[in-house]
Amino acid sequence: MSLGILAAAIHTWAPGCEIRDVDTIFRAPLQVDSKPTVRVVATDLDAEARTVQLDLTIANEAMEVRVVGTAIVKL
C-alpha cells in the first residue's frame, strides 16, 4: 500500500513522468483507513538526463514518519 501511495504522490507532482527507481525503508505500518501525509522533495536535478531525485516520506495522522525513501524520476 505504501509504495502505491508514494507512486500516486509522484504522479500528482509530475503527471506523465516515468518512475525509474524507488528505494524505501518501512519503519512502521500504516493503519488501514488512515489519512497519511506524503511529502515529496526534489533534492537533485540532472538536466541533461531529464531526471530528478526525490526524497519521500509518509507520516501517519500523528505526523510520525512511517516510511522514508528516495526515487529517481524521468520527466
Protein backbone atom coordinates (compact mmCIF):
# COMPACT_ATOMS: atom_id res chain seq x y z
CA MET A 1 0.00 0.00 0.00
CA SER A 2 2.79 2.45 0.89
CA LEU A 3 4.53 2.13 -2.48
CA GLY A 4 1.23 2.81 -4.22
CA ILE A 5 0.71 5.93 -2.10
CA LEU A 6 4.22 7.15 -3.00
CA ALA A 7 3.76 6.44 -6.71
CA ALA A 8 0.44 8.31 -6.72
CA ALA A 9 2.06 11.30 -4.99
CA ILE A 10 4.91 11.34 -7.53
CA HIS A 11 2.46 11.23 -10.45
CA THR A 12 0.41 14.02 -8.86
CA TRP A 13 3.60 16.10 -8.55
CA ALA A 14 4.75 15.29 -12.12
CA PRO A 15 1.94 13.87 -14.28
CA GLY A 16 3.24 11.70 -17.11
CA CYS A 17 6.66 11.14 -15.54
CA GLU A 18 8.45 7.80 -15.56
CA ILE A 19 9.43 6.45 -12.16
CA ARG A 20 12.82 4.86 -12.74
CA ASP A 21 13.66 3.71 -9.22
CA VAL A 22 12.16 3.76 -5.74
CA ASP A 23 14.05 2.77 -2.60
CA THR A 24 12.09 2.71 0.66
CA ILE A 25 12.51 1.86 4.31
CA PHE A 26 9.38 0.81 6.15
CA ARG A 27 9.82 1.93 9.76
CA ALA A 28 6.34 1.05 10.99
CA PRO A 29 2.98 0.06 9.48
CA LEU A 30 0.25 2.47 8.50
CA GLN A 31 -3.24 1.80 9.77
CA VAL A 32 -5.85 0.81 7.20
CA ASP A 33 -8.31 3.66 6.55
CA SER A 34 -5.89 6.23 7.98
CA LYS A 35 -5.15 9.54 6.29
CA PRO A 36 -1.37 9.59 5.78
CA THR A 37 0.59 12.68 4.81
CA VAL A 38 3.04 12.30 1.94
CA ARG A 39 5.97 14.63 1.42
CA VAL A 40 7.93 14.77 -1.84
CA VAL A 41 11.03 16.98 -2.00
CA ALA A 42 13.24 17.33 -5.09
CA THR A 43 16.86 17.03 -3.95
CA ASP A 44 18.86 16.71 -7.19
CA LEU A 45 18.37 17.51 -10.87
CA ASP A 46 20.15 16.14 -13.92
CA ALA A 47 19.07 18.48 -16.71
CA GLU A 48 20.87 16.50 -19.41
CA ALA A 49 19.22 13.19 -18.48
CA ARG A 50 15.97 14.98 -17.52
CA THR A 51 15.86 13.16 -14.19
CA VAL A 52 15.06 14.37 -10.69
CA GLN A 53 15.95 12.68 -7.41
CA LEU A 54 13.22 12.88 -4.79
CA ASP A 55 13.18 12.34 -1.04
CA LEU A 56 9.91 10.76 0.09
CA THR A 57 8.20 10.38 3.44
CA ILE A 58 4.85 9.09 4.63
CA ALA A 59 3.63 10.13 8.07
CA ASN A 60 0.58 8.92 9.97
CA GLU A 61 -2.13 11.18 11.34
CA ALA A 62 0.03 11.91 14.42
CA MET A 63 2.78 13.08 11.98
CA GLU A 64 5.03 10.14 12.94
CA VAL A 65 7.14 9.22 9.90
CA ARG A 66 6.41 5.60 8.98
CA VAL A 67 8.04 5.30 5.55
CA VAL A 68 11.11 7.07 4.13
CA GLY A 69 12.68 6.70 0.73
CA THR A 70 14.11 8.12 -2.43
CA ALA A 71 13.06 7.97 -6.06
CA ILE A 72 14.57 8.76 -9.45
CA VAL A 73 12.02 10.21 -11.88
CA LYS A 74 12.43 10.97 -15.58
CA LEU A 75 10.45 13.98 -16.72
